[in-house]
N, C-alpha and C. Protein backbone atom coordinates (compact mmCIF):
# COMPACT_ATOMS: atom_id res chain seq x y z
N MET A 1 74.59 118.94 116.75
CA MET A 1 76.06 119.21 116.83
C MET A 1 76.21 120.89 116.58
N SER A 2 77.02 121.44 117.22
CA SER A 2 77.36 122.80 117.08
C SER A 2 78.17 123.14 116.03
N THR A 3 77.75 124.22 115.40
CA THR A 3 78.84 124.34 114.10
C THR A 3 80.32 124.77 114.85
N ARG A 4 80.40 125.54 116.14
CA ARG A 4 81.83 125.30 116.51
C ARG A 4 82.33 124.14 116.45
N ARG A 5 81.96 123.15 116.73
CA ARG A 5 82.51 121.86 116.94
C ARG A 5 82.58 121.15 115.59
N THR A 6 82.00 121.58 114.47
CA THR A 6 82.47 121.08 113.30
C THR A 6 83.32 121.92 112.47
N ALA A 7 83.27 123.45 112.81
CA ALA A 7 84.56 124.16 112.42
C ALA A 7 85.87 123.61 112.96
N ARG A 8 85.52 123.16 114.02
CA ARG A 8 86.83 123.10 114.80
C ARG A 8 87.30 121.80 114.09
N VAL A 9 86.42 120.63 113.81
CA VAL A 9 86.80 119.33 113.56
C VAL A 9 87.31 119.44 111.55
N ALA A 10 86.64 120.45 110.98
CA ALA A 10 87.23 120.72 109.85
C ALA A 10 88.57 121.51 109.64
N SER A 11 89.03 122.20 110.78
CA SER A 11 90.15 122.97 110.71
C SER A 11 91.10 121.79 110.90
N MET A 12 90.73 121.10 111.91
CA MET A 12 91.70 119.87 112.21
C MET A 12 92.09 119.11 111.13
N ILE A 13 90.89 118.67 110.23
CA ILE A 13 91.17 117.79 109.30
C ILE A 13 92.34 118.50 108.27
N ARG A 14 91.88 119.65 107.98
CA ARG A 14 92.68 120.23 107.05
C ARG A 14 94.28 120.12 107.65
N GLU A 15 94.24 120.62 108.66
CA GLU A 15 95.72 120.54 109.04
C GLU A 15 96.45 119.05 109.19
N VAL A 16 95.95 118.29 109.60
CA VAL A 16 96.23 116.81 109.35
C VAL A 16 96.42 116.09 108.11
N VAL A 17 95.37 116.53 107.41
CA VAL A 17 95.58 116.00 105.86
C VAL A 17 96.82 117.06 105.03
N SER A 18 97.19 118.02 105.60
CA SER A 18 97.83 118.76 104.56
C SER A 18 99.25 118.51 105.06
N SER A 19 99.26 118.25 106.44
CA SER A 19 100.78 117.88 106.96
C SER A 19 101.04 116.62 106.46
N ALA A 20 100.24 115.42 106.46
CA ALA A 20 100.32 113.90 106.02
C ALA A 20 100.74 114.08 104.28
N ILE A 21 100.44 114.87 103.78
CA ILE A 21 100.20 114.96 102.20
C ILE A 21 101.70 115.65 101.90
N LEU A 22 101.95 116.67 102.46
CA LEU A 22 103.65 117.10 102.59
C LEU A 22 104.37 116.03 103.03
N THR A 23 104.33 115.77 104.61
CA THR A 23 105.67 114.81 104.77
C THR A 23 105.56 113.27 104.82
N GLU A 24 104.17 112.96 104.77
CA GLU A 24 104.25 111.41 104.73
C GLU A 24 104.02 110.51 103.68
N LEU A 25 103.49 111.11 102.78
CA LEU A 25 102.88 110.52 101.51
C LEU A 25 104.01 110.34 100.58
N ARG A 26 104.23 109.01 100.01
CA ARG A 26 105.29 108.64 99.35
C ARG A 26 104.93 108.41 97.42
N ASP A 27 103.67 108.84 97.39
CA ASP A 27 103.15 108.24 96.19
C ASP A 27 103.61 109.41 95.00
N PRO A 28 104.25 109.24 94.18
CA PRO A 28 104.92 110.08 93.03
C PRO A 28 103.45 110.77 92.57
N ARG A 29 102.62 110.21 92.34
CA ARG A 29 101.44 110.87 91.59
C ARG A 29 100.96 112.15 92.39
N ILE A 30 101.50 112.52 93.57
CA ILE A 30 100.89 113.42 94.44
C ILE A 30 101.70 114.20 94.55
N LYS A 31 101.56 115.47 93.73
CA LYS A 31 102.37 116.38 93.88
C LYS A 31 102.03 117.93 93.66
N ASN A 32 102.50 119.09 93.99
CA ASN A 32 101.72 120.13 93.80
C ASN A 32 100.39 120.30 94.29
N VAL A 33 100.47 119.74 95.08
CA VAL A 33 98.80 119.50 96.13
C VAL A 33 98.99 120.56 97.21
N THR A 34 97.65 121.58 97.23
CA THR A 34 97.45 122.42 98.36
C THR A 34 96.26 122.21 98.78
N VAL A 35 96.14 121.92 100.08
CA VAL A 35 94.52 121.47 100.73
C VAL A 35 94.41 123.12 100.96
N LEU A 36 93.51 123.42 100.60
CA LEU A 36 92.56 124.54 100.90
C LEU A 36 91.53 124.76 102.13
N GLY A 37 91.00 123.47 102.44
CA GLY A 37 89.93 123.79 103.26
C GLY A 37 89.14 122.25 103.18
N ALA A 38 88.36 122.28 104.41
CA ALA A 38 87.86 120.88 104.52
C ALA A 38 86.21 121.38 105.33
N GLU A 39 85.40 120.74 104.70
CA GLU A 39 84.11 120.91 105.33
C GLU A 39 83.42 119.67 105.72
N VAL A 40 83.10 119.83 107.02
CA VAL A 40 82.06 118.55 108.00
C VAL A 40 80.96 118.36 107.85
N SER A 41 79.96 117.28 107.58
CA SER A 41 78.76 117.26 108.09
C SER A 41 78.39 117.31 109.24
N PRO A 42 77.44 117.95 109.47
CA PRO A 42 76.90 117.91 110.70
C PRO A 42 77.07 116.77 111.70
N ASP A 43 76.69 115.61 111.06
CA ASP A 43 76.94 114.16 112.00
C ASP A 43 78.37 114.10 112.09
N LEU A 44 79.36 114.60 111.87
CA LEU A 44 80.90 114.57 111.65
C LEU A 44 81.40 112.95 110.68
N ARG A 45 80.18 112.41 110.29
CA ARG A 45 80.69 111.05 109.43
C ARG A 45 81.05 111.56 107.88
N HIS A 46 81.19 112.54 107.56
CA HIS A 46 81.64 113.01 106.27
C HIS A 46 82.50 114.24 106.00
N ALA A 47 83.56 114.17 105.32
CA ALA A 47 84.18 115.29 105.26
C ALA A 47 84.62 115.71 103.75
N SER A 48 84.52 116.68 103.27
CA SER A 48 85.13 117.06 101.86
C SER A 48 86.02 117.86 102.30
N VAL A 49 87.31 117.22 101.30
CA VAL A 49 88.56 118.03 101.66
C VAL A 49 88.93 118.60 100.22
N ARG A 50 88.83 120.06 100.35
CA ARG A 50 88.87 120.83 98.53
C ARG A 50 90.80 121.27 98.83
N VAL A 51 91.11 120.68 97.28
CA VAL A 51 92.56 120.60 97.00
C VAL A 51 92.46 121.42 95.76
N SER A 52 93.94 121.83 95.65
CA SER A 52 94.35 122.56 94.30
C SER A 52 95.49 122.01 94.10
N VAL A 53 95.35 121.72 92.74
CA VAL A 53 96.74 121.37 91.82
C VAL A 53 97.19 122.06 90.95
N MET A 54 98.31 122.51 91.10
CA MET A 54 99.08 123.33 90.06
C MET A 54 99.64 122.47 88.97
N GLY A 55 99.42 122.71 87.90
CA GLY A 55 99.76 122.27 86.58
C GLY A 55 98.60 121.91 85.68
N ASP A 56 98.92 121.38 84.89
CA ASP A 56 97.80 120.54 83.73
C ASP A 56 96.64 119.71 84.43
N GLU A 57 95.86 119.58 83.47
CA GLU A 57 94.79 118.57 83.88
C GLU A 57 95.28 117.09 83.92
N LYS A 58 96.11 116.62 83.42
CA LYS A 58 96.77 115.34 83.40
C LYS A 58 97.48 115.34 84.77
N THR A 59 97.98 116.41 85.22
CA THR A 59 98.88 116.40 86.80
C THR A 59 97.80 116.28 87.54
N ALA A 60 96.58 116.95 87.64
CA ALA A 60 95.59 117.33 88.52
C ALA A 60 94.78 115.75 88.71
N SER A 61 94.59 115.22 87.42
CA SER A 61 94.18 113.90 87.32
C SER A 61 94.93 112.74 88.04
N LEU A 62 96.22 112.77 87.77
CA LEU A 62 97.14 111.80 88.62
C LEU A 62 96.90 112.25 90.16
N SER A 63 97.03 113.55 90.52
CA SER A 63 97.19 114.07 91.97
C SER A 63 95.91 113.49 92.40
N MET A 64 94.58 113.37 91.86
CA MET A 64 93.41 113.08 92.58
C MET A 64 93.35 111.58 92.55
N HIS A 65 94.28 110.88 91.53
CA HIS A 65 93.68 109.32 91.91
C HIS A 65 94.77 108.84 92.87
N GLY A 66 95.84 109.93 93.11
CA GLY A 66 96.73 109.51 94.36
C GLY A 66 95.99 109.67 95.39
N LEU A 67 95.56 110.72 95.71
CA LEU A 67 94.72 110.91 96.64
C LEU A 67 93.69 109.93 97.12
N ASN A 68 92.72 109.68 96.27
CA ASN A 68 92.12 108.77 96.66
C ASN A 68 92.23 107.34 97.01
N SER A 69 93.50 107.16 96.42
CA SER A 69 94.31 105.86 96.71
C SER A 69 95.22 105.96 98.19
N ALA A 70 95.32 106.94 98.77
CA ALA A 70 95.89 107.04 99.75
C ALA A 70 94.94 107.51 101.03
N ARG A 71 93.36 107.71 100.48
CA ARG A 71 92.36 108.18 101.39
C ARG A 71 92.14 107.22 102.92
N GLY A 72 92.51 105.86 102.68
CA GLY A 72 92.35 105.25 104.07
C GLY A 72 93.37 105.53 104.79
N TYR A 73 94.54 105.98 104.34
CA TYR A 73 95.87 106.47 105.44
C TYR A 73 95.70 107.75 105.83
N LEU A 74 95.12 108.41 105.02
CA LEU A 74 94.48 109.91 105.60
C LEU A 74 93.66 109.63 106.76
N GLN A 75 92.47 108.90 106.27
CA GLN A 75 91.48 109.04 107.44
C GLN A 75 91.74 108.37 108.58
N SER A 76 93.06 107.03 108.60
CA SER A 76 93.70 106.70 109.96
C SER A 76 94.22 107.70 110.90
N ARG A 77 94.81 108.77 109.86
CA ARG A 77 95.80 109.92 110.38
C ARG A 77 94.81 110.96 111.14
N VAL A 78 93.75 111.27 110.24
CA VAL A 78 92.43 111.95 111.16
C VAL A 78 91.94 111.30 112.30
N GLY A 79 91.46 110.13 112.20
CA GLY A 79 91.12 109.49 113.39
C GLY A 79 92.17 109.40 114.98
N GLU A 80 93.44 109.48 114.36
CA GLU A 80 94.37 109.56 115.74
C GLU A 80 94.14 110.87 116.17
N TYR A 81 93.77 111.93 115.63
CA TYR A 81 93.59 113.29 116.37
C TYR A 81 92.45 113.64 116.67
N ILE A 82 91.20 113.25 115.99
CA ILE A 82 90.08 113.49 116.59
C ILE A 82 89.39 112.41 117.40
N LYS A 83 88.88 112.89 118.66
CA LYS A 83 88.68 111.77 119.47
C LYS A 83 86.75 112.19 119.46
N SER A 84 86.45 111.51 118.27
CA SER A 84 84.85 111.14 118.07
C SER A 84 84.52 109.77 117.73
N ARG A 85 83.23 109.43 117.85
CA ARG A 85 82.98 108.17 117.87
C ARG A 85 83.09 107.46 116.44
N TYR A 86 82.82 108.58 115.66
CA TYR A 86 83.22 108.22 114.25
C TYR A 86 84.21 108.96 113.39
N THR A 87 85.10 108.29 112.62
CA THR A 87 86.16 108.80 111.81
C THR A 87 85.38 109.46 110.65
N PRO A 88 85.50 110.66 110.19
CA PRO A 88 84.79 111.36 109.07
C PRO A 88 85.31 110.64 107.65
N GLU A 89 84.50 110.28 107.00
CA GLU A 89 84.84 109.32 105.93
C GLU A 89 85.58 110.90 104.77
N LEU A 90 86.71 110.69 104.02
CA LEU A 90 87.14 111.87 103.38
C LEU A 90 86.65 111.56 102.07
N ARG A 91 86.44 112.51 101.30
CA ARG A 91 86.19 112.74 100.02
C ARG A 91 87.06 113.87 99.65
N PHE A 92 87.87 113.77 98.33
CA PHE A 92 88.52 114.95 97.85
C PHE A 92 87.91 115.80 96.58
N VAL A 93 88.15 116.82 97.05
CA VAL A 93 87.45 117.61 95.61
C VAL A 93 88.26 118.53 95.09
N LEU A 94 88.41 118.80 94.09
CA LEU A 94 89.68 119.65 93.32
C LEU A 94 88.59 120.98 93.21
N ASP A 95 89.27 122.08 93.62
CA ASP A 95 89.22 123.16 93.61
C ASP A 95 89.79 123.96 92.45
N ASP A 96 89.37 124.39 91.71
CA ASP A 96 90.06 125.31 90.32
C ASP A 96 90.13 126.82 90.43
N GLY A 97 89.85 127.21 91.60
CA GLY A 97 89.51 128.64 91.99
C GLY A 97 91.09 129.18 91.83
N VAL A 98 91.87 128.61 92.38
CA VAL A 98 93.41 129.18 92.47
C VAL A 98 94.02 129.09 90.78
N ARG A 99 93.81 128.20 90.09
CA ARG A 99 94.41 127.93 88.70
C ARG A 99 93.38 129.30 88.10
N LYS A 100 92.25 129.37 88.14
CA LYS A 100 91.40 130.40 87.43
C LYS A 100 91.66 131.63 87.71
N SER A 101 92.54 131.94 89.08
CA SER A 101 92.59 133.35 89.17
C SER A 101 93.91 133.58 88.69
N VAL A 102 94.91 132.50 88.80
CA VAL A 102 96.30 132.88 87.99
C VAL A 102 95.78 133.06 86.60
N GLU A 103 95.05 132.34 85.90
CA GLU A 103 94.73 132.32 84.51
C GLU A 103 94.27 133.79 84.17
N THR A 104 93.34 134.13 84.62
CA THR A 104 92.44 135.67 84.97
C THR A 104 93.57 136.80 85.20
N ALA A 105 94.42 136.65 86.20
CA ALA A 105 95.64 137.75 86.19
C ALA A 105 96.37 137.94 85.13
N ALA A 106 96.94 136.89 84.67
CA ALA A 106 97.82 136.57 83.24
C ALA A 106 96.91 137.15 82.19
N LEU A 107 95.42 137.08 81.93
CA LEU A 107 95.15 137.52 80.97
C LEU A 107 95.07 139.01 81.00
N LEU A 108 94.55 139.42 82.38
CA LEU A 108 94.48 140.96 82.70
C LEU A 108 95.77 141.68 82.43
N ARG A 109 96.96 141.15 82.96
CA ARG A 109 98.19 141.67 82.34
C ARG A 109 98.30 141.97 80.85
N GLU A 110 98.09 140.36 80.24
CA GLU A 110 97.99 140.82 78.87
C GLU A 110 97.18 141.97 78.04
N VAL A 111 95.99 141.66 78.62
CA VAL A 111 94.86 143.18 78.10
C VAL A 111 95.59 144.50 78.44
N LEU A 112 95.87 144.56 79.87
CA LEU A 112 96.33 145.69 80.11
C LEU A 112 97.78 146.43 79.87
N GLY A 113 98.46 145.40 79.23
CA GLY A 113 99.75 145.98 78.57
C GLY A 113 100.63 146.01 79.72
N ASP A 114 100.77 145.74 80.90
CA ASP A 114 101.23 145.73 81.92
C ASP A 114 102.59 145.20 81.48
N SER A 115 103.98 145.54 81.90
CA SER A 115 104.98 144.61 81.59
C SER A 115 105.42 143.74 82.80
N SER A 116 105.59 142.51 82.01
CA SER A 116 106.28 141.72 83.17
C SER A 116 107.68 141.74 83.64
N PRO A 117 108.25 140.99 84.33
CA PRO A 117 109.55 141.02 84.56
C PRO A 117 110.44 140.65 83.62
N SER A 118 110.02 139.74 82.60
CA SER A 118 110.95 139.35 81.70
C SER A 118 110.57 140.49 80.47
N GLU A 119 110.12 141.22 80.72
CA GLU A 119 110.11 142.32 79.64
C GLU A 119 110.62 143.34 80.20
N GLN A 120 111.29 143.74 81.31
CA GLN A 120 111.93 144.80 81.56
C GLN A 120 113.34 144.70 80.51
N PRO A 121 113.98 145.97 80.87
CA PRO A 121 115.62 145.98 80.03
C PRO A 121 116.48 144.97 80.97
N SER A 122 117.17 144.46 80.59
CA SER A 122 118.26 143.69 80.64
C SER A 122 119.36 144.82 81.73
N ASP A 123 120.10 144.24 82.66
CA ASP A 123 121.05 144.80 83.30
C ASP A 123 122.22 145.22 82.59
N ASP A 124 122.24 144.76 81.22
CA ASP A 124 123.41 145.43 80.35
C ASP A 124 123.03 146.65 79.63
N SER A 125 121.98 147.11 80.24
CA SER A 125 121.59 148.16 79.13
C SER A 125 121.82 149.45 80.05
N ASP A 126 122.07 150.65 79.46
CA ASP A 126 122.08 151.82 79.99
C ASP A 126 120.89 152.68 80.66
N GLU A 127 120.05 152.60 80.24
CA GLU A 127 118.67 152.93 81.01
C GLU A 127 118.83 152.61 82.28
N LEU A 128 118.25 153.71 82.98
CA LEU A 128 117.87 153.29 84.47
C LEU A 128 116.52 153.46 84.68
N PRO A 129 116.04 152.54 85.55
CA PRO A 129 114.44 152.41 85.76
C PRO A 129 114.36 153.99 86.15
N GLU A 130 112.90 154.09 86.21
CA GLU A 130 112.15 155.56 86.18
C GLU A 130 112.41 156.08 87.82
N ASP A 131 112.41 155.38 88.48
CA ASP A 131 112.61 155.67 90.00
C ASP A 131 113.87 155.88 90.46
N LEU A 132 114.88 155.70 89.47
CA LEU A 132 116.40 155.72 89.88
C LEU A 132 116.67 156.67 88.79
N ALA A 133 116.21 157.29 87.81
CA ALA A 133 116.47 158.45 86.67
C ALA A 133 116.93 159.80 87.24
N GLY A 134 116.37 160.21 88.48
CA GLY A 134 116.75 161.56 88.62
C GLY A 134 117.96 161.43 89.69
N ILE A 135 118.31 160.43 90.19
CA ILE A 135 119.23 160.61 91.50
C ILE A 135 120.71 160.66 91.02
N ASP A 136 121.44 161.80 91.45
CA ASP A 136 122.95 161.99 91.23
C ASP A 136 123.41 161.13 92.20
N VAL A 137 124.16 160.26 91.59
CA VAL A 137 125.05 159.40 92.37
C VAL A 137 126.13 159.83 92.96
N ASP A 138 126.92 160.92 92.27
CA ASP A 138 128.08 161.95 92.64
C ASP A 138 127.72 162.62 93.78
N GLU A 139 126.39 163.06 93.90
CA GLU A 139 126.14 163.79 94.99
C GLU A 139 125.98 163.09 96.46
N TRP A 140 125.52 161.84 96.21
CA TRP A 140 125.19 160.84 97.35
C TRP A 140 126.79 160.89 97.96
N GLU A 141 127.52 160.63 97.07
CA GLU A 141 128.98 160.25 97.62
C GLU A 141 129.67 161.57 98.26
N ASP A 142 129.49 162.57 97.74
CA ASP A 142 129.84 163.89 98.15
C ASP A 142 129.55 164.29 99.65
N ASP A 143 127.67 163.96 99.81
CA ASP A 143 127.18 164.11 101.18
C ASP A 143 127.77 163.14 102.12
N GLU A 144 128.22 162.20 101.50
CA GLU A 144 128.82 161.12 102.56
C GLU A 144 130.02 161.19 102.88
N ASP A 145 130.92 161.89 101.99
CA ASP A 145 132.37 162.49 102.67
C ASP A 145 132.33 163.49 103.54
N ASP A 146 131.42 164.25 103.33
CA ASP A 146 131.41 165.82 104.00
C ASP A 146 130.98 165.10 105.50
N GLU A 147 129.83 164.48 105.55
CA GLU A 147 129.42 163.49 107.38
C GLU A 147 131.09 163.30 107.64
N GLU A 148 131.65 162.65 106.78
CA GLU A 148 132.79 161.77 107.82
C GLU A 148 133.75 162.76 108.00
N GLY A 149 134.02 163.91 107.25
CA GLY A 149 134.83 164.60 107.45
C GLY A 149 134.46 165.43 108.73
N LYS A 150 133.22 165.79 108.97
CA LYS A 150 132.88 166.41 110.22
C LYS A 150 133.08 165.81 111.37
N ALA A 151 132.75 164.25 111.48
CA ALA A 151 132.94 163.56 112.68
C ALA A 151 134.65 163.21 112.84
N ASN A 152 135.47 163.51 112.02
CA ASN A 152 136.63 163.32 112.01
C ASN A 152 137.25 164.57 112.81
N ALA A 153 136.85 165.75 112.50
CA ALA A 153 137.14 167.15 113.13
C ALA A 153 136.77 167.38 114.21
């Protein structure tokens, strides 16, 4: 088999499974699931679907159980779109890459001391943000009035 064909089948599996999870599955265990990609064996009999689940480990575990329960339905949906002798057997793999990158970014923000939006001054404070501190609002209004006066003359 060509790698182009397996790549095309993998892309199709990712799209079909993602769409079915989003719009068709009614299992309450399956929430906050993102399909990241799929890898297909050269003989097109097996496919690993990489998914990410936002939330704690309990949520991820419940979502994975729900996905494994819905595997037969998802395989049948994939079989409708792939014109092949065999429908790939789906296997779901939890990918923690997204969760780890979010945690790493939070740690970096904490270590570097960057202020988050919640640490910014509130609207009722009299301080202006640094990028607006040097702007004279009265000067803007005068310029607009001058332009209107010139247009009317």
